[in-house]
Amino acid sequence: MALKSLKKKRRIQIIALASVALVVSTALIGYAMRDGINFFRSPTQIVEEPPAPTEVFRIGGLVEEGSIVRGSGEQIKFSVTDGGATVPVVYTGVLPDLFEENQGMVGTGRYVDGVFEASEILAKHDETYMPAEVVDILKEQGVYQEPDKGS
C-alpha cells in the first residue's frame, strides 16, 4: 500500500514540476518577444488616436501621388494614405526598388509630432502583393481596386 502512495505522490510532483516549467517558459518567451511585437495601424487610426511617441508600430497604406520629396542625403519624405486620412512619413535610408507612388507600403517606426518617423520601409514584392491588413482597410475606405490577374 505504501508503494502505491509513493507512486501517486511522485506522479503529482512530476505534473506540478511540468506545469511550473510550462508557465516559466511561456513567461520567458513573452518577455523575449516584447520588443519584437509591432502593432499595425492605418493612417485613419493614427489620426483618430495618435500613439505615444515612444511606441513602435507599423503603418500601411498607399503612397500618395505627388508626395515623394527627396531631401539631402538619403532622407525621403512622402505621405501614406488609406483614402480616409493621410500621414506624413520621413525615412532616412535606401528605399526598396519597388517603392513608388500609388503603391502599397508598410513602414515600421514611431509617430512623433504629427510625422511618422520610419526606421524600415517595405514595398510590395510583386504586382499583386499587399498586406492583408492594408487591403482590408483600403476596402473599408472604398479605395482598393483588385489587381488584374490576367497580366
C-alpha atoms as a PDB file:
ATOM      1  CA  MET A   1       0.000   0.000   0.000  1.00  0.00           C
ATOM      2  CA  ALA A   2       2.870   2.376   0.756  1.00  0.00           C
ATOM      3  CA  LEU A   3       4.286   1.714  -2.716  1.00  0.00           C
ATOM      4  CA  LYS A   4       1.054   2.907  -4.446  1.00  0.00           C
ATOM      5  CA  SER A   5       1.025   6.024  -2.301  1.00  0.00           C
ATOM      6  CA  LEU A   6       4.640   6.754  -3.209  1.00  0.00           C
ATOM      7  CA  LYS A   7       3.923   6.340  -6.959  1.00  0.00           C
ATOM      8  CA  LYS A   8       0.910   8.641  -6.709  1.00  0.00           C
ATOM      9  CA  LYS A   9       2.931  11.252  -4.818  1.00  0.00           C
ATOM     10  CA  ARG A  10       5.740  11.038  -7.406  1.00  0.00           C
ATOM     11  CA  ARG A  11       3.238  11.452 -10.298  1.00  0.00           C
ATOM     12  CA  ILE A  12       1.749  14.572  -8.671  1.00  0.00           C
ATOM     13  CA  GLN A  13       5.254  16.020  -8.193  1.00  0.00           C
ATOM     14  CA  ILE A  14       6.105  15.423 -11.875  1.00  0.00           C
ATOM     15  CA  ILE A  15       2.849  17.051 -13.050  1.00  0.00           C
ATOM     16  CA  ALA A  16       3.410  20.050 -10.759  1.00  0.00           C
ATOM     17  CA  LEU A  17       7.020  20.419 -11.954  1.00  0.00           C
ATOM     18  CA  ALA A  18       5.950  20.207 -15.628  1.00  0.00           C
ATOM     19  CA  SER A  19       3.255  22.846 -15.029  1.00  0.00           C
ATOM     20  CA  VAL A  20       5.738  25.213 -13.393  1.00  0.00           C
ATOM     21  CA  ALA A  21       8.220  24.662 -16.261  1.00  0.00           C
ATOM     22  CA  LEU A  22       5.486  25.435 -18.817  1.00  0.00           C
ATOM     23  CA  VAL A  23       4.499  28.660 -17.054  1.00  0.00           C
ATOM     24  CA  VAL A  24       8.128  29.791 -16.720  1.00  0.00           C
ATOM     25  CA  SER A  25       8.945  29.032 -20.376  1.00  0.00           C
ATOM     26  CA  THR A  26       5.815  30.878 -21.568  1.00  0.00           C
ATOM     27  CA  ALA A  27       6.759  33.901 -19.447  1.00  0.00           C
ATOM     28  CA  LEU A  28      10.324  33.882 -20.802  1.00  0.00           C
ATOM     29  CA  ILE A  29       9.117  33.693 -24.413  1.00  0.00           C
ATOM     30  CA  GLY A  30       6.714  36.579 -23.820  1.00  0.00           C
ATOM     31  CA  TYR A  31       9.449  38.637 -22.178  1.00  0.00           C
ATOM     32  CA  ALA A  32      11.871  37.960 -25.054  1.00  0.00           C
ATOM     33  CA  MET A  33       9.296  38.966 -27.680  1.00  0.00           C
ATOM     34  CA  ARG A  34       8.068  42.155 -26.012  1.00  0.00           C
ATOM     35  CA  ASP A  35      10.138  44.381 -28.323  1.00  0.00           C
ATOM     36  CA  GLY A  36       9.514  42.262 -31.404  1.00  0.00           C
ATOM     37  CA  ILE A  37       5.747  42.666 -31.478  1.00  0.00           C
ATOM     38  CA  ASN A  38       4.683  45.602 -33.652  1.00  0.00           C
ATOM     39  CA  PHE A  39       1.046  46.560 -33.857  1.00  0.00           C
ATOM     40  CA  PHE A  40      -0.365  47.557 -37.235  1.00  0.00           C
ATOM     41  CA  ARG A  41      -2.288  50.816 -37.732  1.00  0.00           C
ATOM     42  CA  SER A  42      -3.834  52.544 -40.718  1.00  0.00           C
ATOM     43  CA  PRO A  43      -3.449  56.302 -41.314  1.00  0.00           C
ATOM     44  CA  THR A  44      -7.084  56.808 -40.208  1.00  0.00           C
ATOM     45  CA  GLN A  45      -6.439  55.004 -36.916  1.00  0.00           C
ATOM     46  CA  ILE A  46      -3.293  57.070 -36.310  1.00  0.00           C
ATOM     47  CA  VAL A  47      -5.072  60.380 -36.953  1.00  0.00           C
ATOM     48  CA  GLU A  48      -8.046  59.414 -34.767  1.00  0.00           C
ATOM     49  CA  GLU A  49      -5.955  58.063 -31.870  1.00  0.00           C
ATOM     50  CA  PRO A  50      -2.310  59.160 -32.109  1.00  0.00           C
ATOM     51  CA  PRO A  51       0.007  56.646 -30.408  1.00  0.00           C
ATOM     52  CA  ALA A  52       2.639  57.661 -27.855  1.00  0.00           C
ATOM     53  CA  PRO A  53       5.917  58.921 -29.395  1.00  0.00           C
ATOM     54  CA  THR A  54       7.790  56.018 -27.768  1.00  0.00           C
ATOM     55  CA  GLU A  55       5.559  53.287 -29.255  1.00  0.00           C
ATOM     56  CA  VAL A  56       6.986  51.392 -32.232  1.00  0.00           C
ATOM     57  CA  PHE A  57       4.303  50.173 -34.640  1.00  0.00           C
ATOM     58  CA  ARG A  58       3.614  49.517 -38.306  1.00  0.00           C
ATOM     59  CA  ILE A  59       1.708  51.774 -40.672  1.00  0.00           C
ATOM     60  CA  GLY A  60       0.351  50.624 -44.012  1.00  0.00           C
ATOM     61  CA  GLY A  61      -1.435  52.129 -46.967  1.00  0.00           C
ATOM     62  CA  LEU A  62      -0.800  53.625 -50.366  1.00  0.00           C
ATOM     63  CA  VAL A  63       1.995  56.083 -51.118  1.00  0.00           C
ATOM     64  CA  GLU A  64       0.130  59.274 -52.004  1.00  0.00           C
ATOM     65  CA  GLU A  65       0.621  60.514 -55.566  1.00  0.00           C
ATOM     66  CA  GLY A  66       2.900  63.552 -55.838  1.00  0.00           C
ATOM     67  CA  SER A  67       4.036  63.316 -52.220  1.00  0.00           C
ATOM     68  CA  ILE A  68       7.561  61.894 -52.586  1.00  0.00           C
ATOM     69  CA  VAL A  69      10.195  64.549 -51.817  1.00  0.00           C
ATOM     70  CA  ARG A  70      13.842  63.580 -51.730  1.00  0.00           C
ATOM     71  CA  GLY A  71      15.833  65.579 -49.216  1.00  0.00           C
ATOM     72  CA  SER A  72      19.533  65.926 -48.674  1.00  0.00           C
ATOM     73  CA  GLY A  73      21.413  62.663 -48.480  1.00  0.00           C
ATOM     74  CA  GLU A  74      19.212  59.624 -48.077  1.00  0.00           C
ATOM     75  CA  GLN A  75      16.250  61.394 -46.437  1.00  0.00           C
ATOM     76  CA  ILE A  76      12.918  60.888 -48.166  1.00  0.00           C
ATOM     77  CA  LYS A  77       9.579  62.432 -47.233  1.00  0.00           C
ATOM     78  CA  PHE A  78       6.253  61.173 -48.515  1.00  0.00           C
ATOM     79  CA  SER A  79       2.678  60.645 -47.380  1.00  0.00           C
ATOM     80  CA  VAL A  80       0.812  57.400 -46.869  1.00  0.00           C
ATOM     81  CA  THR A  81      -2.974  57.263 -47.192  1.00  0.00           C
ATOM     82  CA  ASP A  82      -5.818  54.818 -46.808  1.00  0.00           C
ATOM     83  CA  GLY A  83      -8.307  57.087 -48.559  1.00  0.00           C
ATOM     84  CA  GLY A  84      -9.689  58.391 -45.280  1.00  0.00           C
ATOM     85  CA  ALA A  85      -6.626  60.061 -43.807  1.00  0.00           C
ATOM     86  CA  THR A  86      -3.065  60.899 -44.775  1.00  0.00           C
ATOM     87  CA  VAL A  87       0.029  60.678 -42.571  1.00  0.00           C
ATOM     88  CA  PRO A  88       3.356  62.326 -43.481  1.00  0.00           C
ATOM     89  CA  VAL A  89       6.332  59.960 -43.334  1.00  0.00           C
ATOM     90  CA  VAL A  90      10.039  60.685 -43.110  1.00  0.00           C
ATOM     91  CA  TYR A  91      12.608  57.962 -43.793  1.00  0.00           C
ATOM     92  CA  THR A  92      16.373  58.022 -43.949  1.00  0.00           C
ATOM     93  CA  GLY A  93      17.839  55.199 -45.953  1.00  0.00           C
ATOM     94  CA  VAL A  94      17.559  53.437 -49.269  1.00  0.00           C
ATOM     95  CA  LEU A  95      14.003  52.717 -50.371  1.00  0.00           C
ATOM     96  CA  PRO A  96      13.099  49.324 -51.844  1.00  0.00           C
ATOM     97  CA  ASP A  97      13.302  49.155 -55.660  1.00  0.00           C
ATOM     98  CA  LEU A  98       9.548  48.632 -55.984  1.00  0.00           C
ATOM     99  CA  PHE A  99       8.640  51.669 -53.859  1.00  0.00           C
ATOM    100  CA  GLU A 100       6.588  54.168 -55.882  1.00  0.00           C
ATOM    101  CA  GLU A 101       3.517  56.396 -55.793  1.00  0.00           C
ATOM    102  CA  ASN A 102       0.053  54.787 -55.644  1.00  0.00           C
ATOM    103  CA  GLN A 103       1.581  51.502 -54.487  1.00  0.00           C
ATOM    104  CA  GLY A 104       1.177  49.635 -51.210  1.00  0.00           C
ATOM    105  CA  MET A 105       3.767  50.011 -48.486  1.00  0.00           C
ATOM    106  CA  VAL A 106       4.297  49.088 -44.855  1.00  0.00           C
ATOM    107  CA  GLY A 107       6.602  51.068 -42.576  1.00  0.00           C
ATOM    108  CA  THR A 108       7.880  50.404 -39.068  1.00  0.00           C
ATOM    109  CA  GLY A 109       8.647  53.328 -36.772  1.00  0.00           C
ATOM    110  CA  ARG A 110       7.199  55.933 -34.398  1.00  0.00           C
ATOM    111  CA  TYR A 111       4.687  58.763 -34.700  1.00  0.00           C
ATOM    112  CA  VAL A 112       6.373  61.910 -33.350  1.00  0.00           C
ATOM    113  CA  ASP A 113       4.878  65.427 -33.579  1.00  0.00           C
ATOM    114  CA  GLY A 114       2.451  64.503 -36.353  1.00  0.00           C
ATOM    115  CA  VAL A 115       5.052  62.745 -38.527  1.00  0.00           C
ATOM    116  CA  PHE A 116       5.700  59.018 -38.828  1.00  0.00           C
ATOM    117  CA  GLU A 117       9.475  58.528 -38.445  1.00  0.00           C
ATOM    118  CA  ALA A 118      10.124  55.250 -40.254  1.00  0.00           C
ATOM    119  CA  SER A 119      13.047  53.013 -39.396  1.00  0.00           C
ATOM    120  CA  GLU A 120      12.101  50.452 -42.050  1.00  0.00           C
ATOM    121  CA  ILE A 121      10.061  50.625 -45.274  1.00  0.00           C
ATOM    122  CA  LEU A 122       8.719  47.606 -47.118  1.00  0.00           C
ATOM    123  CA  ALA A 123       7.176  47.772 -50.582  1.00  0.00           C
ATOM    124  CA  LYS A 124       5.126  45.229 -52.436  1.00  0.00           C
ATOM    125  CA  HIS A 125       7.184  42.366 -53.797  1.00  0.00           C
ATOM    126  CA  ASP A 126       5.173  41.724 -56.950  1.00  0.00           C
ATOM    127  CA  GLU A 127       2.245  43.212 -58.847  1.00  0.00           C
ATOM    128  CA  THR A 128      -0.432  41.689 -56.637  1.00  0.00           C
ATOM    129  CA  TYR A 129       1.028  41.629 -53.123  1.00  0.00           C
ATOM    130  CA  MET A 130      -0.260  43.895 -50.385  1.00  0.00           C
ATOM    131  CA  PRO A 131      -0.523  43.005 -46.690  1.00  0.00           C
ATOM    132  CA  ALA A 132      -3.984  41.694 -45.776  1.00  0.00           C
ATOM    133  CA  GLU A 133      -4.449  44.380 -43.117  1.00  0.00           C
ATOM    134  CA  VAL A 134      -3.786  47.123 -45.678  1.00  0.00           C
ATOM    135  CA  VAL A 135      -6.206  45.563 -48.191  1.00  0.00           C
ATOM    136  CA  ASP A 136      -8.947  45.327 -45.550  1.00  0.00           C
ATOM    137  CA  ILE A 137      -8.543  48.973 -44.512  1.00  0.00           C
ATOM    138  CA  LEU A 138      -8.414  50.212 -48.111  1.00  0.00           C
ATOM    139  CA  LYS A 139     -11.582  48.228 -48.889  1.00  0.00           C
ATOM    140  CA  GLU A 140     -13.296  49.839 -45.874  1.00  0.00           C
ATOM    141  CA  GLN A 141     -12.328  53.274 -47.234  1.00  0.00           C
ATOM    142  CA  GLY A 142     -13.537  52.324 -50.725  1.00  0.00           C
ATOM    143  CA  VAL A 143     -10.224  52.998 -52.485  1.00  0.00           C
ATOM    144  CA  TYR A 144      -8.974  49.439 -53.056  1.00  0.00           C
ATOM    145  CA  GLN A 145      -9.057  48.071 -56.598  1.00  0.00           C
ATOM    146  CA  GLU A 146      -8.418  44.412 -57.322  1.00  0.00           C
ATOM    147  CA  PRO A 147      -5.258  43.977 -59.407  1.00  0.00           C
ATOM    148  CA  ASP A 148      -5.590  42.490 -62.907  1.00  0.00           C
ATOM    149  CA  LYS A 149      -4.859  38.781 -62.691  1.00  0.00           C
ATOM    150  CA  GLY A 150      -4.539  38.391 -66.452  1.00  0.00           C
ATOM    151  CA  SER A 151      -1.415  40.492 -66.988  1.00  0.00           C
END
